[in-house]
Amino acid sequence: MPVHPHSGIATVTVFTNGDVTFDDPHLGHGTIGYGGVEWVRAGRGMWHGKELSAGSSAAVQGFQLWIALPPDLENAEPEVQYVGTGGMPIIGPARLIVGAYAGARSPVRSPHGVNYLLTNAQAR
């Protein structure tokens, strides 16, 4: 993906098929597969786009949710997190991507009041 700017929002990118690698000069290198997340809180503004690249799978599928940040975070310092598949809590048939649910808490440092779960109707 080409480098591009964001400000005043957060994005959560969830991978549902295949895997990607991340290479971030501040956070290191790793792999994200099914149910793993790239969390970007752009806050006062940041450029990104070169951190993720193809992993070992032939294809990658996922989706991205954009979240409007509350006023106290719109101009906060930017923050990025990469959380692999194993870091996401599993609650029944779902993975807790963002927030808190059924006594579990996602490791993603999201604003209070945002809950986001990933479910898959297909057997895994």
N, C-alpha and C. Protein backbone atom coordinates (compact mmCIF):
# COMPACT_ATOMS: atom_id res chain seq x y z
N MET A 1 0.85 -1.17 0.00
CA MET A 1 0.00 0.00 0.00
C MET A 1 0.89 1.24 0.00
N PRO A 2 0.55 2.22 -0.79
CA PRO A 2 1.37 3.44 -0.79
C PRO A 2 1.24 4.20 0.53
N VAL A 3 2.25 4.96 0.86
CA VAL A 3 2.24 5.77 2.07
C VAL A 3 1.14 6.82 1.93
N HIS A 4 0.36 6.99 3.01
CA HIS A 4 -0.74 7.94 3.00
C HIS A 4 -0.97 8.46 4.42
N PRO A 5 -1.64 9.63 4.55
CA PRO A 5 -1.85 10.21 5.88
C PRO A 5 -3.21 9.86 6.48
N HIS A 6 -3.28 9.93 7.79
CA HIS A 6 -4.53 9.87 8.55
C HIS A 6 -4.41 10.87 9.69
N SER A 7 -5.54 11.41 10.15
CA SER A 7 -5.56 12.22 11.37
C SER A 7 -6.95 12.19 11.96
N GLY A 8 -7.02 12.28 13.28
CA GLY A 8 -8.29 12.37 13.98
C GLY A 8 -9.11 11.09 14.04
N ILE A 9 -8.58 9.99 13.51
CA ILE A 9 -9.31 8.72 13.49
C ILE A 9 -8.43 7.59 14.00
N ALA A 10 -9.04 6.43 14.15
CA ALA A 10 -8.31 5.19 14.38
C ALA A 10 -8.77 4.21 13.33
N THR A 11 -7.89 3.30 12.94
CA THR A 11 -8.29 2.21 12.05
C THR A 11 -7.89 0.90 12.71
N VAL A 12 -8.74 -0.10 12.54
CA VAL A 12 -8.42 -1.44 12.99
C VAL A 12 -8.55 -2.34 11.77
N THR A 13 -7.44 -2.96 11.39
CA THR A 13 -7.41 -3.86 10.24
C THR A 13 -7.33 -5.28 10.78
N VAL A 14 -8.30 -6.10 10.41
CA VAL A 14 -8.42 -7.48 10.88
C VAL A 14 -8.21 -8.40 9.68
N PHE A 15 -7.40 -9.42 9.87
CA PHE A 15 -7.11 -10.36 8.79
C PHE A 15 -7.93 -11.63 8.98
N THR A 16 -8.65 -12.03 7.91
CA THR A 16 -9.56 -13.17 7.99
C THR A 16 -9.11 -14.35 7.15
N ASN A 17 -8.09 -14.17 6.34
CA ASN A 17 -7.55 -15.26 5.54
C ASN A 17 -6.11 -14.91 5.16
N GLY A 18 -5.22 -15.87 5.26
CA GLY A 18 -3.83 -15.64 4.92
C GLY A 18 -3.10 -14.92 6.03
N ASP A 19 -1.92 -14.40 5.69
CA ASP A 19 -1.12 -13.69 6.69
C ASP A 19 -0.32 -12.57 6.04
N VAL A 20 0.09 -11.63 6.86
CA VAL A 20 0.93 -10.51 6.44
C VAL A 20 2.08 -10.40 7.43
N THR A 21 3.12 -9.72 7.01
CA THR A 21 4.21 -9.40 7.93
C THR A 21 4.19 -7.91 8.19
N PHE A 22 4.68 -7.53 9.36
CA PHE A 22 4.83 -6.10 9.65
C PHE A 22 6.30 -5.85 9.95
N ASP A 23 6.74 -4.70 9.55
CA ASP A 23 8.11 -4.27 9.79
C ASP A 23 8.04 -2.81 10.17
N ASP A 24 8.12 -2.55 11.46
CA ASP A 24 7.97 -1.20 11.98
C ASP A 24 9.25 -0.82 12.70
N PRO A 25 9.86 0.32 12.36
CA PRO A 25 11.14 0.67 12.97
C PRO A 25 11.07 0.83 14.49
N HIS A 26 9.88 1.07 15.04
CA HIS A 26 9.73 1.26 16.48
C HIS A 26 9.21 0.02 17.20
N LEU A 27 8.49 -0.84 16.48
CA LEU A 27 7.82 -1.97 17.13
C LEU A 27 8.33 -3.34 16.69
N GLY A 28 9.25 -3.37 15.77
CA GLY A 28 9.84 -4.64 15.37
C GLY A 28 9.19 -5.27 14.16
N HIS A 29 9.37 -6.59 14.06
CA HIS A 29 8.96 -7.36 12.90
C HIS A 29 8.17 -8.58 13.37
N GLY A 30 7.14 -8.97 12.63
CA GLY A 30 6.36 -10.14 13.00
C GLY A 30 5.36 -10.50 11.94
N THR A 31 4.52 -11.48 12.26
CA THR A 31 3.50 -11.98 11.34
C THR A 31 2.13 -11.87 12.00
N ILE A 32 1.14 -11.52 11.19
CA ILE A 32 -0.24 -11.43 11.65
C ILE A 32 -1.08 -12.31 10.73
N GLY A 33 -1.83 -13.25 11.33
CA GLY A 33 -2.72 -14.14 10.58
C GLY A 33 -4.16 -13.94 10.99
N TYR A 34 -4.96 -15.00 10.82
CA TYR A 34 -6.40 -14.95 11.08
C TYR A 34 -6.69 -14.36 12.47
N GLY A 35 -7.53 -13.34 12.48
CA GLY A 35 -7.95 -12.72 13.73
C GLY A 35 -6.94 -11.78 14.35
N GLY A 36 -5.77 -11.64 13.71
CA GLY A 36 -4.78 -10.68 14.18
C GLY A 36 -5.12 -9.28 13.70
N VAL A 37 -4.48 -8.28 14.29
CA VAL A 37 -4.90 -6.90 14.10
C VAL A 37 -3.72 -5.95 13.92
N GLU A 38 -3.91 -4.97 13.04
CA GLU A 38 -3.09 -3.76 13.04
C GLU A 38 -4.01 -2.65 13.54
N TRP A 39 -3.64 -2.03 14.66
CA TRP A 39 -4.40 -0.91 15.24
C TRP A 39 -3.60 0.35 15.02
N VAL A 40 -4.23 1.36 14.41
CA VAL A 40 -3.58 2.66 14.18
C VAL A 40 -4.47 3.74 14.76
N ARG A 41 -3.96 4.43 15.78
CA ARG A 41 -4.65 5.61 16.30
C ARG A 41 -3.88 6.80 15.77
N ALA A 42 -4.43 7.41 14.72
CA ALA A 42 -3.71 8.49 14.03
C ALA A 42 -3.61 9.76 14.87
N GLY A 43 -4.62 10.02 15.70
CA GLY A 43 -4.57 11.22 16.54
C GLY A 43 -4.27 12.47 15.75
N ARG A 44 -3.23 13.20 16.17
CA ARG A 44 -2.91 14.50 15.55
C ARG A 44 -2.37 14.38 14.13
N GLY A 45 -2.10 13.15 13.70
CA GLY A 45 -1.69 12.94 12.31
C GLY A 45 -0.47 12.05 12.18
N MET A 46 -0.49 11.23 11.13
CA MET A 46 0.65 10.36 10.86
C MET A 46 0.58 9.89 9.41
N TRP A 47 1.72 9.47 8.92
CA TRP A 47 1.82 8.85 7.61
C TRP A 47 2.10 7.37 7.84
N HIS A 48 1.43 6.52 7.06
CA HIS A 48 1.72 5.09 7.16
C HIS A 48 1.35 4.41 5.84
N GLY A 49 1.70 3.14 5.73
CA GLY A 49 1.34 2.39 4.54
C GLY A 49 2.38 1.38 4.11
N LYS A 50 3.61 1.54 4.53
CA LYS A 50 4.67 0.62 4.13
C LYS A 50 4.99 -0.43 5.19
N GLU A 51 4.26 -0.42 6.30
CA GLU A 51 4.58 -1.32 7.41
C GLU A 51 4.18 -2.76 7.13
N LEU A 52 3.09 -2.98 6.38
CA LEU A 52 2.59 -4.33 6.12
C LEU A 52 3.01 -4.80 4.74
N SER A 53 3.35 -6.08 4.64
CA SER A 53 3.68 -6.67 3.34
C SER A 53 3.20 -8.12 3.32
N ALA A 54 3.28 -8.73 2.15
CA ALA A 54 2.81 -10.10 1.98
C ALA A 54 3.53 -11.03 2.94
N GLY A 55 2.79 -11.98 3.45
CA GLY A 55 3.37 -13.01 4.31
C GLY A 55 3.65 -14.26 3.49
N SER A 56 3.44 -15.43 4.08
CA SER A 56 3.74 -16.68 3.40
C SER A 56 2.56 -17.23 2.60
N SER A 57 1.37 -16.69 2.78
CA SER A 57 0.19 -17.20 2.07
C SER A 57 0.10 -16.61 0.66
N ALA A 58 -0.60 -17.34 -0.20
CA ALA A 58 -0.76 -16.90 -1.60
C ALA A 58 -1.69 -15.70 -1.71
N ALA A 59 -2.63 -15.57 -0.78
CA ALA A 59 -3.59 -14.47 -0.80
C ALA A 59 -3.90 -14.04 0.62
N VAL A 60 -4.32 -12.80 0.76
CA VAL A 60 -4.69 -12.25 2.07
C VAL A 60 -6.06 -11.60 1.94
N GLN A 61 -6.88 -11.80 2.96
CA GLN A 61 -8.18 -11.15 3.00
C GLN A 61 -8.38 -10.57 4.39
N GLY A 62 -9.05 -9.46 4.45
CA GLY A 62 -9.34 -8.83 5.72
C GLY A 62 -10.26 -7.66 5.51
N PHE A 63 -10.46 -6.91 6.55
CA PHE A 63 -11.28 -5.71 6.44
C PHE A 63 -10.78 -4.67 7.42
N GLN A 64 -11.20 -3.45 7.18
CA GLN A 64 -10.72 -2.34 8.00
C GLN A 64 -11.92 -1.51 8.46
N LEU A 65 -11.92 -1.20 9.74
CA LEU A 65 -12.94 -0.36 10.33
C LEU A 65 -12.29 0.97 10.72
N TRP A 66 -12.91 2.07 10.33
CA TRP A 66 -12.43 3.39 10.73
C TRP A 66 -13.29 3.85 11.90
N ILE A 67 -12.64 4.36 12.93
CA ILE A 67 -13.33 4.79 14.15
C ILE A 67 -13.04 6.27 14.39
N ALA A 68 -14.10 7.06 14.57
CA ALA A 68 -13.93 8.47 14.94
C ALA A 68 -13.45 8.50 16.39
N LEU A 69 -12.37 9.21 16.63
CA LEU A 69 -11.82 9.29 17.98
C LEU A 69 -12.58 10.32 18.82
N PRO A 70 -12.68 10.09 20.13
CA PRO A 70 -13.28 11.10 20.99
C PRO A 70 -12.40 12.34 21.02
N PRO A 71 -12.97 13.50 21.35
CA PRO A 71 -12.22 14.76 21.30
C PRO A 71 -10.88 14.74 22.02
N ASP A 72 -10.78 14.05 23.15
CA ASP A 72 -9.51 14.06 23.89
C ASP A 72 -8.42 13.25 23.20
N LEU A 73 -8.77 12.42 22.21
CA LEU A 73 -7.76 11.64 21.48
C LEU A 73 -7.55 12.12 20.04
N GLU A 74 -8.42 13.00 19.55
CA GLU A 74 -8.29 13.48 18.17
C GLU A 74 -6.93 14.12 17.90
N ASN A 75 -6.37 14.78 18.89
CA ASN A 75 -5.08 15.44 18.71
C ASN A 75 -3.98 14.82 19.57
N ALA A 76 -4.21 13.60 20.03
CA ALA A 76 -3.21 12.90 20.83
C ALA A 76 -2.07 12.39 19.95
N GLU A 77 -1.01 11.95 20.58
CA GLU A 77 0.11 11.35 19.84
C GLU A 77 -0.38 10.11 19.10
N PRO A 78 0.12 9.90 17.89
CA PRO A 78 -0.24 8.68 17.15
C PRO A 78 0.27 7.44 17.87
N GLU A 79 -0.42 6.33 17.65
CA GLU A 79 -0.03 5.06 18.25
C GLU A 79 -0.37 3.92 17.30
N VAL A 80 0.52 2.94 17.21
CA VAL A 80 0.29 1.76 16.38
C VAL A 80 0.52 0.52 17.22
N GLN A 81 -0.29 -0.50 16.99
CA GLN A 81 -0.12 -1.80 17.63
C GLN A 81 -0.29 -2.89 16.59
N TYR A 82 0.48 -3.94 16.73
CA TYR A 82 0.33 -5.14 15.92
C TYR A 82 0.10 -6.28 16.90
N VAL A 83 -1.03 -6.97 16.77
CA VAL A 83 -1.36 -8.06 17.68
C VAL A 83 -1.61 -9.30 16.85
N GLY A 84 -0.81 -10.31 17.07
CA GLY A 84 -0.95 -11.57 16.34
C GLY A 84 -2.16 -12.37 16.80
N THR A 85 -2.46 -13.39 16.06
CA THR A 85 -3.61 -14.24 16.32
C THR A 85 -3.67 -14.73 17.76
N GLY A 86 -2.56 -15.16 18.30
CA GLY A 86 -2.53 -15.71 19.64
C GLY A 86 -2.79 -14.70 20.73
N GLY A 87 -2.70 -13.42 20.42
CA GLY A 87 -2.89 -12.38 21.42
C GLY A 87 -4.33 -11.95 21.62
N MET A 88 -5.23 -12.46 20.77
CA MET A 88 -6.62 -12.02 20.83
C MET A 88 -7.44 -13.01 21.66
N PRO A 89 -8.21 -12.54 22.66
CA PRO A 89 -9.04 -13.44 23.46
C PRO A 89 -10.11 -14.12 22.61
N ILE A 90 -10.37 -15.38 22.91
CA ILE A 90 -11.42 -16.13 22.23
C ILE A 90 -12.57 -16.32 23.22
N ILE A 91 -13.77 -15.95 22.78
CA ILE A 91 -14.97 -16.08 23.59
C ILE A 91 -15.97 -16.89 22.76
N GLY A 92 -16.15 -18.15 23.10
CA GLY A 92 -17.03 -19.01 22.31
C GLY A 92 -16.55 -19.05 20.87
N PRO A 93 -17.43 -18.74 19.92
CA PRO A 93 -17.04 -18.78 18.50
C PRO A 93 -16.42 -17.47 18.00
N ALA A 94 -16.13 -16.53 18.88
CA ALA A 94 -15.66 -15.20 18.47
C ALA A 94 -14.28 -14.88 19.04
N ARG A 95 -13.60 -13.98 18.36
CA ARG A 95 -12.37 -13.38 18.87
C ARG A 95 -12.70 -11.93 19.23
N LEU A 96 -12.24 -11.51 20.38
CA LEU A 96 -12.45 -10.14 20.84
C LEU A 96 -11.36 -9.27 20.23
N ILE A 97 -11.72 -8.46 19.26
CA ILE A 97 -10.76 -7.65 18.53
C ILE A 97 -10.47 -6.34 19.27
N VAL A 98 -11.51 -5.66 19.69
CA VAL A 98 -11.38 -4.37 20.38
C VAL A 98 -12.36 -4.33 21.54
N GLY A 99 -11.93 -3.78 22.66
CA GLY A 99 -12.82 -3.54 23.79
C GLY A 99 -12.84 -4.65 24.82
N ALA A 100 -13.98 -4.79 25.47
CA ALA A 100 -14.15 -5.78 26.54
C ALA A 100 -15.50 -6.45 26.37
N TYR A 101 -15.52 -7.77 26.67
CA TYR A 101 -16.76 -8.52 26.53
C TYR A 101 -16.66 -9.80 27.35
N ALA A 102 -17.72 -10.14 28.07
CA ALA A 102 -17.83 -11.40 28.82
C ALA A 102 -16.61 -11.64 29.72
N GLY A 103 -16.14 -10.59 30.37
CA GLY A 103 -15.02 -10.72 31.31
C GLY A 103 -13.65 -10.72 30.67
N ALA A 104 -13.56 -10.64 29.35
CA ALA A 104 -12.26 -10.59 28.65
C ALA A 104 -12.00 -9.18 28.14
N ARG A 105 -10.73 -8.85 27.92
CA ARG A 105 -10.34 -7.54 27.40
C ARG A 105 -9.34 -7.74 26.27
N SER A 106 -9.55 -7.03 25.18
CA SER A 106 -8.62 -7.06 24.05
C SER A 106 -7.34 -6.32 24.43
N PRO A 107 -6.19 -6.75 23.92
CA PRO A 107 -4.96 -6.02 24.17
C PRO A 107 -4.85 -4.71 23.38
N VAL A 108 -5.77 -4.50 22.43
CA VAL A 108 -5.75 -3.28 21.63
C VAL A 108 -6.13 -2.09 22.52
N ARG A 109 -5.32 -1.06 22.49
CA ARG A 109 -5.53 0.12 23.35
C ARG A 109 -6.51 1.09 22.68
N SER A 110 -7.76 0.70 22.64
CA SER A 110 -8.81 1.48 21.98
C SER A 110 -9.51 2.39 22.98
N PRO A 111 -10.25 3.38 22.47
CA PRO A 111 -11.02 4.24 23.36
C PRO A 111 -12.09 3.43 24.10
N HIS A 112 -12.46 3.88 25.28
CA HIS A 112 -13.50 3.24 26.08
C HIS A 112 -14.82 3.24 25.29
N GLY A 113 -15.56 2.16 25.41
CA GLY A 113 -16.89 2.10 24.81
C GLY A 113 -16.95 1.50 23.42
N VAL A 114 -15.83 1.08 22.88
CA VAL A 114 -15.81 0.45 21.55
C VAL A 114 -15.57 -1.05 21.75
N ASN A 115 -16.52 -1.86 21.30
CA ASN A 115 -16.38 -3.31 21.34
C ASN A 115 -16.52 -3.85 19.92
N TYR A 116 -15.65 -4.79 19.57
CA TYR A 116 -15.61 -5.29 18.20
C TYR A 116 -15.18 -6.74 18.26
N LEU A 117 -16.04 -7.64 17.77
CA LEU A 117 -15.76 -9.07 17.79
C LEU A 117 -15.74 -9.62 16.37
N LEU A 118 -14.91 -10.64 16.15
CA LEU A 118 -14.82 -11.32 14.86
C LEU A 118 -15.41 -12.71 15.04
N THR A 119 -16.39 -13.04 14.23
CA THR A 119 -16.95 -14.40 14.24
C THR A 119 -16.84 -14.98 12.85
N ASN A 120 -16.83 -16.30 12.80
CA ASN A 120 -16.74 -17.00 11.53
C ASN A 120 -17.77 -18.11 11.53
N ALA A 121 -18.71 -18.07 10.61
CA ALA A 121 -19.76 -19.06 10.54
C ALA A 121 -19.24 -20.39 9.97
N GLN A 122 -18.10 -20.37 9.31
CA GLN A 122 -17.52 -21.60 8.76
C GLN A 122 -16.73 -22.31 9.83
N ALA A 123 -16.72 -23.63 9.77
CA ALA A 123 -15.91 -24.40 10.70
C ALA A 123 -14.44 -24.17 10.42
N ARG A 124 -13.64 -24.05 11.46
CA ARG A 124 -12.20 -23.85 11.31
C ARG A 124 -11.48 -25.04 11.83
